[in-house]
Amino acid sequence: HAEKVFRMGTRQQRIGELTAFLGMASHETDGFIAAREYLACGDNVVVDGELYCVPCTSEDYNFDTHTCGISMLENDQSYMEFCQPYTTPPKGCTCEYVKEVEASGQLEGHMKANDIFFGRGSIQISNNFNYIRASATMTGSKDTFCEEPELLSTVETYSW
């Protein structure tokens, strides 16, 4: 493959390409602040070393406090974003629609972060069919991000 990102064309073209990438990454990460998509996992909690998220609609999400008023999992609803269950390996990570971890208690309205393929990292990789491709490209294995999507927001080599 002869094309190389930021290494082709004139100096001005290479600078323009890098500038466009940094602008897009800044937009996707709220000024390089957010490694995870806000509506899917802005309201979150870590329990026993595992991250749990409250999926939220834009109407129910408070962008100032990063809290969700009403979980999309409320009333036994399934979270169906970022998963195309008919897209399976080798074209996409295996995924299922997600339910809340607990109907009451500390994790009421929460889902496991590693169970869903929402936007993560500087380019906000989203959807099971993109995670498998990113995993193969960035780690050499199609399984890495399929098995642990959170690596895209917690391991600096992958996230930024």
C-alpha atoms as a PDB file:
ATOM      1  CA  HIS A   1       0.000   0.000   0.000  1.00  0.00           C
ATOM      2  CA  ALA A   2       1.742   3.116  -1.235  1.00  0.00           C
ATOM      3  CA  GLU A   3      -0.391   5.775   0.490  1.00  0.00           C
ATOM      4  CA  LYS A   4       0.895   7.115   3.803  1.00  0.00           C
ATOM      5  CA  VAL A   5      -1.147   9.385   6.033  1.00  0.00           C
ATOM      6  CA  PHE A   6       0.424  12.848   6.446  1.00  0.00           C
ATOM      7  CA  ARG A   7       3.366  11.793   4.236  1.00  0.00           C
ATOM      8  CA  MET A   8       2.169  12.373   0.682  1.00  0.00           C
ATOM      9  CA  GLY A   9       1.866  15.474  -1.485  1.00  0.00           C
ATOM     10  CA  THR A  10       3.480  18.842  -0.968  1.00  0.00           C
ATOM     11  CA  ARG A  11       4.455  20.126   2.450  1.00  0.00           C
ATOM     12  CA  GLN A  12       1.379  22.386   2.427  1.00  0.00           C
ATOM     13  CA  GLN A  13      -0.893  19.436   1.547  1.00  0.00           C
ATOM     14  CA  ARG A  14       0.593  17.339   4.346  1.00  0.00           C
ATOM     15  CA  ILE A  15       0.086  20.183   6.844  1.00  0.00           C
ATOM     16  CA  GLY A  16      -3.495  20.601   5.601  1.00  0.00           C
ATOM     17  CA  GLU A  17      -4.199  16.890   6.037  1.00  0.00           C
ATOM     18  CA  LEU A  18      -2.793  16.903   9.573  1.00  0.00           C
ATOM     19  CA  THR A  19      -4.739  20.054  10.429  1.00  0.00           C
ATOM     20  CA  ALA A  20      -7.984  18.522   9.156  1.00  0.00           C
ATOM     21  CA  PHE A  21      -7.357  15.365  11.205  1.00  0.00           C
ATOM     22  CA  LEU A  22      -6.634  17.324  14.395  1.00  0.00           C
ATOM     23  CA  GLY A  23      -9.749  19.464  13.853  1.00  0.00           C
ATOM     24  CA  MET A  24     -11.901  16.365  13.435  1.00  0.00           C
ATOM     25  CA  ALA A  25     -10.332  14.686  16.464  1.00  0.00           C
ATOM     26  CA  SER A  26     -10.855  17.835  18.544  1.00  0.00           C
ATOM     27  CA  HIS A  27     -14.516  17.946  17.531  1.00  0.00           C
ATOM     28  CA  GLU A  28     -15.086  14.240  18.223  1.00  0.00           C
ATOM     29  CA  THR A  29     -13.461  14.407  21.669  1.00  0.00           C
ATOM     30  CA  ASP A  30     -14.899  17.723  22.864  1.00  0.00           C
ATOM     31  CA  GLY A  31     -11.544  19.463  22.648  1.00  0.00           C
ATOM     32  CA  PHE A  32      -9.507  16.344  23.507  1.00  0.00           C
ATOM     33  CA  ILE A  33     -11.424  15.896  26.783  1.00  0.00           C
ATOM     34  CA  ALA A  34     -13.685  12.903  26.124  1.00  0.00           C
ATOM     35  CA  ALA A  35     -12.329   9.481  25.208  1.00  0.00           C
ATOM     36  CA  ARG A  36     -15.898   8.104  25.129  1.00  0.00           C
ATOM     37  CA  GLU A  37     -19.107   9.222  23.469  1.00  0.00           C
ATOM     38  CA  TYR A  38     -21.130  11.279  25.974  1.00  0.00           C
ATOM     39  CA  LEU A  39     -24.633   9.997  25.237  1.00  0.00           C
ATOM     40  CA  ALA A  40     -23.588   6.353  25.412  1.00  0.00           C
ATOM     41  CA  CYS A  41     -21.227   6.597  28.388  1.00  0.00           C
ATOM     42  CA  GLY A  42     -20.857  10.138  29.732  1.00  0.00           C
ATOM     43  CA  ASP A  43     -22.754   9.136  32.884  1.00  0.00           C
ATOM     44  CA  ASN A  44     -20.739   6.218  34.199  1.00  0.00           C
ATOM     45  CA  VAL A  45     -19.438   4.462  37.272  1.00  0.00           C
ATOM     46  CA  VAL A  46     -16.600   2.011  37.944  1.00  0.00           C
ATOM     47  CA  VAL A  47     -17.503  -0.990  40.108  1.00  0.00           C
ATOM     48  CA  ASP A  48     -14.866  -3.594  40.975  1.00  0.00           C
ATOM     49  CA  GLY A  49     -12.626  -2.314  38.183  1.00  0.00           C
ATOM     50  CA  GLU A  50     -15.312  -2.510  35.472  1.00  0.00           C
ATOM     51  CA  LEU A  51     -16.903   0.518  33.795  1.00  0.00           C
ATOM     52  CA  TYR A  52     -20.707   0.741  33.577  1.00  0.00           C
ATOM     53  CA  CYS A  53     -22.560   3.363  31.510  1.00  0.00           C
ATOM     54  CA  VAL A  54     -26.013   4.927  31.488  1.00  0.00           C
ATOM     55  CA  PRO A  55     -27.094   5.301  27.845  1.00  0.00           C
ATOM     56  CA  CYS A  56     -29.055   8.491  27.331  1.00  0.00           C
ATOM     57  CA  THR A  57     -30.928  10.528  24.743  1.00  0.00           C
ATOM     58  CA  SER A  58     -29.750  14.071  24.051  1.00  0.00           C
ATOM     59  CA  GLU A  59     -32.962  15.382  25.654  1.00  0.00           C
ATOM     60  CA  ASP A  60     -32.240  13.561  28.935  1.00  0.00           C
ATOM     61  CA  TYR A  61     -28.482  14.196  29.102  1.00  0.00           C
ATOM     62  CA  ASN A  62     -27.036  17.122  31.060  1.00  0.00           C
ATOM     63  CA  PHE A  63     -23.862  18.133  29.221  1.00  0.00           C
ATOM     64  CA  ASP A  64     -22.747  20.368  32.116  1.00  0.00           C
ATOM     65  CA  THR A  65     -22.850  17.670  34.815  1.00  0.00           C
ATOM     66  CA  HIS A  66     -22.467  14.639  32.501  1.00  0.00           C
ATOM     67  CA  THR A  67     -25.480  12.935  34.034  1.00  0.00           C
ATOM     68  CA  CYS A  68     -28.468  11.231  32.484  1.00  0.00           C
ATOM     69  CA  GLY A  69     -31.971  11.931  33.782  1.00  0.00           C
ATOM     70  CA  ILE A  70     -33.574   8.831  32.272  1.00  0.00           C
ATOM     71  CA  SER A  71     -31.643   5.768  31.141  1.00  0.00           C
ATOM     72  CA  MET A  72     -32.517   4.365  27.733  1.00  0.00           C
ATOM     73  CA  LEU A  73     -32.539   0.974  29.503  1.00  0.00           C
ATOM     74  CA  GLU A  74     -35.375   1.950  31.822  1.00  0.00           C
ATOM     75  CA  ASN A  75     -38.472  -0.306  31.861  1.00  0.00           C
ATOM     76  CA  ASP A  76     -36.583  -3.327  30.539  1.00  0.00           C
ATOM     77  CA  GLN A  77     -35.673  -1.607  27.258  1.00  0.00           C
ATOM     78  CA  SER A  78     -32.789  -2.836  25.109  1.00  0.00           C
ATOM     79  CA  TYR A  79     -29.970  -0.587  23.965  1.00  0.00           C
ATOM     80  CA  MET A  80     -29.667  -1.143  20.242  1.00  0.00           C
ATOM     81  CA  GLU A  81     -27.176   1.506  19.143  1.00  0.00           C
ATOM     82  CA  PHE A  82     -23.826   0.703  17.501  1.00  0.00           C
ATOM     83  CA  CYS A  83     -24.650  -2.999  17.003  1.00  0.00           C
ATOM     84  CA  GLN A  84     -25.589  -4.728  13.798  1.00  0.00           C
ATOM     85  CA  PRO A  85     -26.053  -8.293  15.078  1.00  0.00           C
ATOM     86  CA  TYR A  86     -26.232  -9.686  11.526  1.00  0.00           C
ATOM     87  CA  THR A  87     -22.708  -8.344  10.832  1.00  0.00           C
ATOM     88  CA  THR A  88     -20.541 -11.093  12.294  1.00  0.00           C
ATOM     89  CA  PRO A  89     -16.853 -12.051  12.073  1.00  0.00           C
ATOM     90  CA  PRO A  90     -14.909 -11.557   9.927  1.00  0.00           C
ATOM     91  CA  LYS A  91     -16.918  -8.439   8.926  1.00  0.00           C
ATOM     92  CA  GLY A  92     -17.870  -7.269  12.421  1.00  0.00           C
ATOM     93  CA  CYS A  93     -17.484  -8.038  16.093  1.00  0.00           C
ATOM     94  CA  THR A  94     -20.198 -10.271  17.524  1.00  0.00           C
ATOM     95  CA  CYS A  95     -22.729  -8.137  19.376  1.00  0.00           C
ATOM     96  CA  GLU A  96     -26.167  -8.319  20.931  1.00  0.00           C
ATOM     97  CA  TYR A  97     -28.703  -5.790  22.105  1.00  0.00           C
ATOM     98  CA  VAL A  98     -27.890  -4.804  25.679  1.00  0.00           C
ATOM     99  CA  LYS A  99     -30.102  -4.746  28.792  1.00  0.00           C
ATOM    100  CA  GLU A 100     -29.446  -3.017  32.115  1.00  0.00           C
ATOM    101  CA  VAL A 101     -27.166  -4.869  34.529  1.00  0.00           C
ATOM    102  CA  GLU A 102     -29.552  -4.498  37.497  1.00  0.00           C
ATOM    103  CA  ALA A 103     -33.229  -3.559  37.676  1.00  0.00           C
ATOM    104  CA  SER A 104     -32.562  -1.870  41.034  1.00  0.00           C
ATOM    105  CA  GLY A 105     -29.534  -0.933  43.086  1.00  0.00           C
ATOM    106  CA  GLN A 106     -26.251   0.755  42.268  1.00  0.00           C
ATOM    107  CA  LEU A 107     -26.205  -0.366  38.632  1.00  0.00           C
ATOM    108  CA  GLU A 108     -29.855   0.296  37.819  1.00  0.00           C
ATOM    109  CA  GLY A 109     -30.056   1.735  34.301  1.00  0.00           C
ATOM    110  CA  HIS A 110     -26.411   0.860  33.582  1.00  0.00           C
ATOM    111  CA  MET A 111     -24.845  -1.399  30.962  1.00  0.00           C
ATOM    112  CA  LYS A 112     -21.321  -2.820  30.852  1.00  0.00           C
ATOM    113  CA  ALA A 113     -19.137  -0.541  28.749  1.00  0.00           C
ATOM    114  CA  ASN A 114     -17.367  -3.528  27.190  1.00  0.00           C
ATOM    115  CA  ASP A 115     -20.688  -4.872  25.887  1.00  0.00           C
ATOM    116  CA  ILE A 116     -21.265  -2.065  23.390  1.00  0.00           C
ATOM    117  CA  PHE A 117     -19.372  -0.529  20.474  1.00  0.00           C
ATOM    118  CA  PHE A 118     -20.047   3.192  21.011  1.00  0.00           C
ATOM    119  CA  GLY A 119     -17.652   5.953  19.929  1.00  0.00           C
ATOM    120  CA  ARG A 120     -14.252   5.788  21.605  1.00  0.00           C
ATOM    121  CA  GLY A 121     -10.816   7.294  21.092  1.00  0.00           C
ATOM    122  CA  SER A 122      -9.675  10.353  19.187  1.00  0.00           C
ATOM    123  CA  ILE A 123     -11.635   9.424  16.078  1.00  0.00           C
ATOM    124  CA  GLN A 124     -14.601   8.003  18.017  1.00  0.00           C
ATOM    125  CA  ILE A 125     -14.567   4.559  16.392  1.00  0.00           C
ATOM    126  CA  SER A 126     -18.182   3.357  16.477  1.00  0.00           C
ATOM    127  CA  ASN A 127     -20.149   0.216  15.530  1.00  0.00           C
ATOM    128  CA  ASN A 128     -19.190  -3.439  15.630  1.00  0.00           C
ATOM    129  CA  PHE A 129     -18.158  -3.478  11.940  1.00  0.00           C
ATOM    130  CA  ASN A 130     -15.603  -0.669  12.494  1.00  0.00           C
ATOM    131  CA  TYR A 131     -14.203  -2.088  15.744  1.00  0.00           C
ATOM    132  CA  ILE A 132     -13.097  -5.320  14.060  1.00  0.00           C
ATOM    133  CA  ARG A 133     -11.303  -3.378  11.305  1.00  0.00           C
ATOM    134  CA  ALA A 134      -9.645  -0.997  13.753  1.00  0.00           C
ATOM    135  CA  SER A 135      -8.572  -3.934  15.889  1.00  0.00           C
ATOM    136  CA  ALA A 136      -6.938  -5.761  12.989  1.00  0.00           C
ATOM    137  CA  THR A 137      -5.177  -2.584  11.847  1.00  0.00           C
ATOM    138  CA  MET A 138      -4.038  -1.281  15.236  1.00  0.00           C
ATOM    139  CA  THR A 139      -3.278  -4.523  17.114  1.00  0.00           C
ATOM    140  CA  GLY A 140      -2.744  -7.144  14.414  1.00  0.00           C
ATOM    141  CA  SER A 141      -5.675  -9.183  15.756  1.00  0.00           C
ATOM    142  CA  LYS A 142      -9.363  -8.837  14.873  1.00  0.00           C
ATOM    143  CA  ASP A 143     -10.266 -10.036  18.381  1.00  0.00           C
ATOM    144  CA  THR A 144      -8.580  -7.412  20.585  1.00  0.00           C
ATOM    145  CA  PHE A 145     -11.178  -4.608  20.406  1.00  0.00           C
ATOM    146  CA  CYS A 146     -14.045  -7.055  19.895  1.00  0.00           C
ATOM    147  CA  GLU A 147     -13.255  -8.679  23.238  1.00  0.00           C
ATOM    148  CA  GLU A 148     -12.408  -5.455  25.078  1.00  0.00           C
ATOM    149  CA  PRO A 149     -13.717  -2.298  23.379  1.00  0.00           C
ATOM    150  CA  GLU A 150     -12.684  -0.136  26.348  1.00  0.00           C
ATOM    151  CA  LEU A 151      -9.034  -0.458  25.271  1.00  0.00           C
ATOM    152  CA  LEU A 152      -9.814   2.256  22.709  1.00  0.00           C
ATOM    153  CA  SER A 153     -10.489   4.722  25.515  1.00  0.00           C
ATOM    154  CA  THR A 154      -8.061   3.516  28.187  1.00  0.00           C
ATOM    155  CA  VAL A 155      -4.834   2.610  26.375  1.00  0.00           C
ATOM    156  CA  GLU A 156      -3.078   5.737  25.146  1.00  0.00           C
ATOM    157  CA  THR A 157      -1.530   3.993  22.130  1.00  0.00           C
ATOM    158  CA  TYR A 158      -5.042   3.297  20.802  1.00  0.00           C
ATOM    159  CA  SER A 159      -7.050   6.221  22.149  1.00  0.00           C
ATOM    160  CA  TRP A 160      -4.938   9.250  21.218  1.00  0.00           C
END
